[in-house]
Amino acid sequence: MINTIYIKNMVCPRCISAVSSILRKLDIPYVSVRLGEVELNSVLGSKKKLVFSILLEESGFFLINDRKSQLIEQMKTLVVNKIHYSSDEQDVKWADYISSKLHLDYKYLSSLFSSVESITFEQYIIIQKIERIKELLVYDELTLSEIGFKLNYSSVAYLSNQFKKITGMTPTQFKSSVKKNRKSLDEL
């Protein structure tokens, strides 16, 4: 029987590695570790679960025990995976995507998200897209048009307006501020 445990604050491949390391350290057999969740072969005993929880917290992660928090974390994980780590087409109808993955009504999920996170689910998606744009701007490998296309923006103007609304600066201003504030290793 597969037992899924949900974990808060897993946002990158290093997080997966850190949680895997904790599982190995505690000699807990697992099937898989993905962003936000661990699949185990069996249910953890209460003592082992407590120690696991403590070690997770020391690394900045937290076990999620209630169903509503698990759903919210799953929603966040789906967005982060799609925006930051997927090479799939970004032309996503988020309502359809989320409800199909979680097998629940989107209105319910969106309302739940807003009530707990104090922002709408749509705002969360925009924030994640802006963070991805920042990352791509820092890499300096793609033009703003290519970034807009990659993240399914209808135009560079729309991307720029949304970016400025969230960050307070245009993508160009952001890019130049990063260059000014970065120092080479030999300058440190």
C-alpha atoms as a PDB file:
ATOM      1  CA  MET A   1       0.000   0.000   0.000  1.00  0.00           C
ATOM      2  CA  ILE A   2       1.439   3.356  -1.059  1.00  0.00           C
ATOM      3  CA  ASN A   3       1.266   6.065   1.596  1.00  0.00           C
ATOM      4  CA  THR A   4       1.706   9.675   0.431  1.00  0.00           C
ATOM      5  CA  ILE A   5       3.082  12.276   2.816  1.00  0.00           C
ATOM      6  CA  TYR A   6       2.815  15.961   1.876  1.00  0.00           C
ATOM      7  CA  ILE A   7       5.614  18.369   2.729  1.00  0.00           C
ATOM      8  CA  LYS A   8       5.526  22.164   2.703  1.00  0.00           C
ATOM      9  CA  ASN A   9       8.320  24.333   1.244  1.00  0.00           C
ATOM     10  CA  MET A  10       9.712  21.840  -1.274  1.00  0.00           C
ATOM     11  CA  VAL A  11      10.275  24.110  -4.273  1.00  0.00           C
ATOM     12  CA  CYS A  12      13.350  22.903  -6.134  1.00  0.00           C
ATOM     13  CA  PRO A  13      15.444  19.859  -7.022  1.00  0.00           C
ATOM     14  CA  ARG A  14      17.759  20.531  -4.037  1.00  0.00           C
ATOM     15  CA  CYS A  15      14.716  20.223  -1.767  1.00  0.00           C
ATOM     16  CA  ILE A  16      14.031  16.788  -3.213  1.00  0.00           C
ATOM     17  CA  SER A  17      17.635  15.833  -2.552  1.00  0.00           C
ATOM     18  CA  ALA A  18      17.478  17.148   1.028  1.00  0.00           C
ATOM     19  CA  VAL A  19      14.284  15.240   1.851  1.00  0.00           C
ATOM     20  CA  SER A  20      15.670  12.072   0.219  1.00  0.00           C
ATOM     21  CA  SER A  21      18.753  12.409   2.390  1.00  0.00           C
ATOM     22  CA  ILE A  22      16.627  12.678   5.547  1.00  0.00           C
ATOM     23  CA  LEU A  23      14.664   9.576   4.534  1.00  0.00           C
ATOM     24  CA  ARG A  24      17.897   7.621   3.972  1.00  0.00           C
ATOM     25  CA  LYS A  25      19.341   8.873   7.264  1.00  0.00           C
ATOM     26  CA  LEU A  26      16.273   7.560   9.107  1.00  0.00           C
ATOM     27  CA  ASP A  27      16.299   4.346   7.056  1.00  0.00           C
ATOM     28  CA  ILE A  28      12.758   4.997   5.820  1.00  0.00           C
ATOM     29  CA  PRO A  29      12.097   3.106   2.583  1.00  0.00           C
ATOM     30  CA  TYR A  30      10.370   5.239  -0.039  1.00  0.00           C
ATOM     31  CA  VAL A  31       8.993   4.828  -3.529  1.00  0.00           C
ATOM     32  CA  SER A  32       9.551   8.401  -4.726  1.00  0.00           C
ATOM     33  CA  VAL A  33      10.244  11.954  -3.642  1.00  0.00           C
ATOM     34  CA  ARG A  34       8.765  14.788  -5.712  1.00  0.00           C
ATOM     35  CA  LEU A  35       8.135  18.459  -5.073  1.00  0.00           C
ATOM     36  CA  GLY A  36       5.760  18.617  -2.121  1.00  0.00           C
ATOM     37  CA  GLU A  37       5.311  14.902  -1.577  1.00  0.00           C
ATOM     38  CA  VAL A  38       6.914  11.618  -0.622  1.00  0.00           C
ATOM     39  CA  GLU A  39       5.484   8.209  -1.458  1.00  0.00           C
ATOM     40  CA  LEU A  40       6.281   5.512   1.083  1.00  0.00           C
ATOM     41  CA  ASN A  41       5.793   1.769   0.913  1.00  0.00           C
ATOM     42  CA  SER A  42       4.009   1.790   4.263  1.00  0.00           C
ATOM     43  CA  VAL A  43       2.633   4.037   6.978  1.00  0.00           C
ATOM     44  CA  LEU A  44       5.187   5.596   9.342  1.00  0.00           C
ATOM     45  CA  GLY A  45       4.950   4.772  13.017  1.00  0.00           C
ATOM     46  CA  SER A  46       4.269   7.730  15.311  1.00  0.00           C
ATOM     47  CA  LYS A  47       7.825   7.861  16.762  1.00  0.00           C
ATOM     48  CA  LYS A  48       9.503   7.684  13.365  1.00  0.00           C
ATOM     49  CA  LYS A  49       7.061  10.261  11.969  1.00  0.00           C
ATOM     50  CA  LEU A  50       7.905  12.626  14.835  1.00  0.00           C
ATOM     51  CA  VAL A  51      11.662  12.293  14.242  1.00  0.00           C
ATOM     52  CA  PHE A  52      11.107  12.725  10.492  1.00  0.00           C
ATOM     53  CA  SER A  53       9.052  15.845  11.170  1.00  0.00           C
ATOM     54  CA  ILE A  54      11.757  17.310  13.427  1.00  0.00           C
ATOM     55  CA  LEU A  55      14.521  16.702  10.880  1.00  0.00           C
ATOM     56  CA  LEU A  56      12.362  18.181   8.133  1.00  0.00           C
ATOM     57  CA  GLU A  57      11.740  21.310  10.219  1.00  0.00           C
ATOM     58  CA  GLU A  58      15.474  21.686  10.859  1.00  0.00           C
ATOM     59  CA  SER A  59      15.866  21.866   7.076  1.00  0.00           C
ATOM     60  CA  GLY A  60      12.981  24.321   6.620  1.00  0.00           C
ATOM     61  CA  PHE A  61      10.309  21.818   5.592  1.00  0.00           C
ATOM     62  CA  PHE A  62       7.064  20.928   7.341  1.00  0.00           C
ATOM     63  CA  LEU A  63       4.742  17.928   7.264  1.00  0.00           C
ATOM     64  CA  ILE A  64       1.240  18.812   6.164  1.00  0.00           C
ATOM     65  CA  ASN A  65      -1.375  16.812   8.006  1.00  0.00           C
ATOM     66  CA  ASP A  66      -4.751  18.381   7.167  1.00  0.00           C
ATOM     67  CA  ARG A  67      -6.475  17.823   3.825  1.00  0.00           C
ATOM     68  CA  LYS A  68      -7.030  21.495   2.951  1.00  0.00           C
ATOM     69  CA  SER A  69      -3.369  22.381   3.452  1.00  0.00           C
ATOM     70  CA  GLN A  70      -2.395  19.346   1.376  1.00  0.00           C
ATOM     71  CA  LEU A  71      -4.608  20.541  -1.481  1.00  0.00           C
ATOM     72  CA  ILE A  72      -3.116  24.028  -1.376  1.00  0.00           C
ATOM     73  CA  GLU A  73       0.418  22.632  -1.380  1.00  0.00           C
ATOM     74  CA  GLN A  74      -0.474  20.382  -4.318  1.00  0.00           C
ATOM     75  CA  MET A  75      -1.827  23.395  -6.215  1.00  0.00           C
ATOM     76  CA  LYS A  76       1.385  25.330  -5.560  1.00  0.00           C
ATOM     77  CA  THR A  77       3.512  22.367  -6.609  1.00  0.00           C
ATOM     78  CA  LEU A  78       1.605  21.959  -9.871  1.00  0.00           C
ATOM     79  CA  VAL A  79       2.144  25.650 -10.689  1.00  0.00           C
ATOM     80  CA  VAL A  80       5.848  25.635  -9.760  1.00  0.00           C
ATOM     81  CA  ASN A  81       6.470  22.459 -11.763  1.00  0.00           C
ATOM     82  CA  LYS A  82       4.643  23.782 -14.816  1.00  0.00           C
ATOM     83  CA  ILE A  83       6.199  27.264 -14.818  1.00  0.00           C
ATOM     84  CA  HIS A  84       9.732  26.577 -13.589  1.00  0.00           C
ATOM     85  CA  TYR A  85      10.568  23.002 -14.555  1.00  0.00           C
ATOM     86  CA  SER A  86       8.375  21.938 -17.464  1.00  0.00           C
ATOM     87  CA  SER A  87       9.463  22.131 -21.061  1.00  0.00           C
ATOM     88  CA  ASP A  88       5.853  21.488 -22.100  1.00  0.00           C
ATOM     89  CA  GLU A  89       3.823  24.144 -23.821  1.00  0.00           C
ATOM     90  CA  GLN A  90       2.842  26.901 -21.372  1.00  0.00           C
ATOM     91  CA  ASP A  91      -0.553  27.510 -22.994  1.00  0.00           C
ATOM     92  CA  VAL A  92      -2.354  26.282 -19.898  1.00  0.00           C
ATOM     93  CA  LYS A  93      -5.953  26.785 -18.934  1.00  0.00           C
ATOM     94  CA  TRP A  94      -5.162  26.730 -15.234  1.00  0.00           C
ATOM     95  CA  ALA A  95      -8.713  25.998 -14.095  1.00  0.00           C
ATOM     96  CA  ASP A  96      -8.889  22.885 -16.275  1.00  0.00           C
ATOM     97  CA  TYR A  97      -5.329  21.823 -15.490  1.00  0.00           C
ATOM     98  CA  ILE A  98      -5.660  22.079 -11.698  1.00  0.00           C
ATOM     99  CA  SER A  99      -9.115  20.521 -11.475  1.00  0.00           C
ATOM    100  CA  SER A 100      -8.077  17.615 -13.718  1.00  0.00           C
ATOM    101  CA  LYS A 101      -4.942  16.927 -11.687  1.00  0.00           C
ATOM    102  CA  LEU A 102      -6.656  17.145  -8.286  1.00  0.00           C
ATOM    103  CA  HIS A 103     -10.062  15.765  -9.386  1.00  0.00           C
ATOM    104  CA  LEU A 104     -11.944  18.565  -7.661  1.00  0.00           C
ATOM    105  CA  ASP A 105     -14.005  21.550  -8.782  1.00  0.00           C
ATOM    106  CA  TYR A 106     -11.829  24.561  -9.641  1.00  0.00           C
ATOM    107  CA  LYS A 107     -14.160  27.047  -7.916  1.00  0.00           C
ATOM    108  CA  TYR A 108     -13.770  25.122  -4.664  1.00  0.00           C
ATOM    109  CA  LEU A 109      -9.981  24.896  -5.030  1.00  0.00           C
ATOM    110  CA  SER A 110      -9.638  28.572  -5.960  1.00  0.00           C
ATOM    111  CA  SER A 111     -11.821  29.643  -3.035  1.00  0.00           C
ATOM    112  CA  LEU A 112      -9.896  27.416  -0.630  1.00  0.00           C
ATOM    113  CA  PHE A 113      -6.577  28.809  -1.880  1.00  0.00           C
ATOM    114  CA  SER A 114      -7.722  32.422  -1.454  1.00  0.00           C
ATOM    115  CA  SER A 115      -9.126  31.842   2.019  1.00  0.00           C
ATOM    116  CA  VAL A 116      -5.881  30.356   3.329  1.00  0.00           C
ATOM    117  CA  GLU A 117      -3.171  32.164   1.348  1.00  0.00           C
ATOM    118  CA  SER A 118      -4.665  35.696   1.379  1.00  0.00           C
ATOM    119  CA  ILE A 119      -4.087  36.040  -2.371  1.00  0.00           C
ATOM    120  CA  THR A 120      -6.007  34.576  -5.259  1.00  0.00           C
ATOM    121  CA  PHE A 121      -4.749  31.523  -7.073  1.00  0.00           C
ATOM    122  CA  GLU A 122      -4.429  33.639 -10.217  1.00  0.00           C
ATOM    123  CA  GLN A 123      -2.183  36.111  -8.339  1.00  0.00           C
ATOM    124  CA  TYR A 124      -0.021  33.203  -7.176  1.00  0.00           C
ATOM    125  CA  ILE A 125       0.383  32.046 -10.783  1.00  0.00           C
ATOM    126  CA  ILE A 126       1.368  35.567 -11.875  1.00  0.00           C
ATOM    127  CA  ILE A 127       3.928  35.824  -9.061  1.00  0.00           C
ATOM    128  CA  GLN A 128       5.469  32.508 -10.121  1.00  0.00           C
ATOM    129  CA  LYS A 129       5.609  33.633 -13.749  1.00  0.00           C
ATOM    130  CA  ILE A 130       7.314  36.882 -12.732  1.00  0.00           C
ATOM    131  CA  GLU A 131       9.899  34.932 -10.708  1.00  0.00           C
ATOM    132  CA  ARG A 132      10.567  32.757 -13.756  1.00  0.00           C
ATOM    133  CA  ILE A 133      10.939  35.868 -15.915  1.00  0.00           C
ATOM    134  CA  LYS A 134      13.452  37.297 -13.427  1.00  0.00           C
ATOM    135  CA  GLU A 135      15.425  34.066 -13.560  1.00  0.00           C
ATOM    136  CA  LEU A 136      15.455  34.056 -17.359  1.00  0.00           C
ATOM    137  CA  LEU A 137      16.451  37.729 -17.468  1.00  0.00           C
ATOM    138  CA  VAL A 138      19.405  37.049 -15.168  1.00  0.00           C
ATOM    139  CA  TYR A 139      20.544  34.142 -17.379  1.00  0.00           C
ATOM    140  CA  ASP A 140      20.525  36.601 -20.305  1.00  0.00           C
ATOM    141  CA  GLU A 141      20.109  33.786 -22.853  1.00  0.00           C
ATOM    142  CA  LEU A 142      16.687  34.758 -24.247  1.00  0.00           C
ATOM    143  CA  THR A 143      15.249  38.003 -25.538  1.00  0.00           C
ATOM    144  CA  LEU A 144      12.181  39.432 -23.835  1.00  0.00           C
ATOM    145  CA  SER A 145      10.118  38.309 -26.844  1.00  0.00           C
ATOM    146  CA  GLU A 146      11.405  34.748 -26.452  1.00  0.00           C
ATOM    147  CA  ILE A 147      10.656  34.820 -22.724  1.00  0.00           C
ATOM    148  CA  GLY A 148       7.150  36.093 -23.441  1.00  0.00           C
ATOM    149  CA  PHE A 149       6.594  33.323 -25.967  1.00  0.00           C
ATOM    150  CA  LYS A 150       8.016  30.682 -23.610  1.00  0.00           C
ATOM    151  CA  LEU A 151       5.629  31.737 -20.819  1.00  0.00           C
ATOM    152  CA  ASN A 152       2.662  32.223 -23.159  1.00  0.00           C
ATOM    153  CA  TYR A 153       2.258  35.981 -22.894  1.00  0.00           C
ATOM    154  CA  SER A 154       0.166  37.490 -25.678  1.00  0.00           C
ATOM    155  CA  SER A 155       2.674  40.328 -26.142  1.00  0.00           C
ATOM    156  CA  VAL A 156       5.898  41.778 -24.763  1.00  0.00           C
ATOM    157  CA  ALA A 157       3.927  44.880 -23.706  1.00  0.00           C
ATOM    158  CA  TYR A 158       1.570  42.746 -21.586  1.00  0.00           C
ATOM    159  CA  LEU A 159       4.524  40.900 -20.013  1.00  0.00           C
ATOM    160  CA  SER A 160       6.273  44.210 -19.274  1.00  0.00           C
ATOM    161  CA  ASN A 161       3.143  45.767 -17.740  1.00  0.00           C
ATOM    162  CA  GLN A 162       2.542  42.755 -15.513  1.00  0.00           C
ATOM    163  CA  PHE A 163       6.239  42.645 -14.546  1.00  0.00           C
ATOM    164  CA  LYS A 164       6.222  46.341 -13.606  1.00  0.00           C
ATOM    165  CA  LYS A 165       2.985  45.987 -11.636  1.00  0.00           C
ATOM    166  CA  ILE A 166       4.536  43.224  -9.494  1.00  0.00           C
ATOM    167  CA  THR A 167       8.168  44.380  -9.195  1.00  0.00           C
ATOM    168  CA  GLY A 168       7.865  48.143  -9.581  1.00  0.00           C
ATOM    169  CA  MET A 169      10.324  48.186 -12.491  1.00  0.00           C
ATOM    170  CA  THR A 170      10.403  47.234 -16.130  1.00  0.00           C
ATOM    171  CA  PRO A 171      12.228  44.081 -17.234  1.00  0.00           C
ATOM    172  CA  THR A 172      14.969  46.272 -18.706  1.00  0.00           C
ATOM    173  CA  GLN A 173      15.377  48.177 -15.425  1.00  0.00           C
ATOM    174  CA  PHE A 174      15.463  44.891 -13.528  1.00  0.00           C
ATOM    175  CA  LYS A 175      18.101  43.469 -15.840  1.00  0.00           C
ATOM    176  CA  SER A 176      20.354  46.516 -15.495  1.00  0.00           C
ATOM    177  CA  SER A 177      19.920  46.625 -11.688  1.00  0.00           C
ATOM    178  CA  VAL A 178      20.982  42.984 -11.448  1.00  0.00           C
ATOM    179  CA  LYS A 179      24.072  43.673 -13.530  1.00  0.00           C
ATOM    180  CA  LYS A 180      25.003  46.642 -11.307  1.00  0.00           C
ATOM    181  CA  ASN A 181      24.524  44.700  -8.090  1.00  0.00           C
ATOM    182  CA  ARG A 182      26.357  41.541  -9.126  1.00  0.00           C
ATOM    183  CA  LYS A 183      30.025  41.236  -8.302  1.00  0.00           C
ATOM    184  CA  SER A 184      32.489  38.786  -9.697  1.00  0.00           C
ATOM    185  CA  LEU A 185      34.121  36.380  -7.289  1.00  0.00           C
ATOM    186  CA  ASP A 186      37.441  38.199  -7.470  1.00  0.00           C
ATOM    187  CA  GLU A 187      35.744  41.424  -6.286  1.00  0.00           C
ATOM    188  CA  LEU A 188      34.428  39.799  -3.106  1.00  0.00           C
END
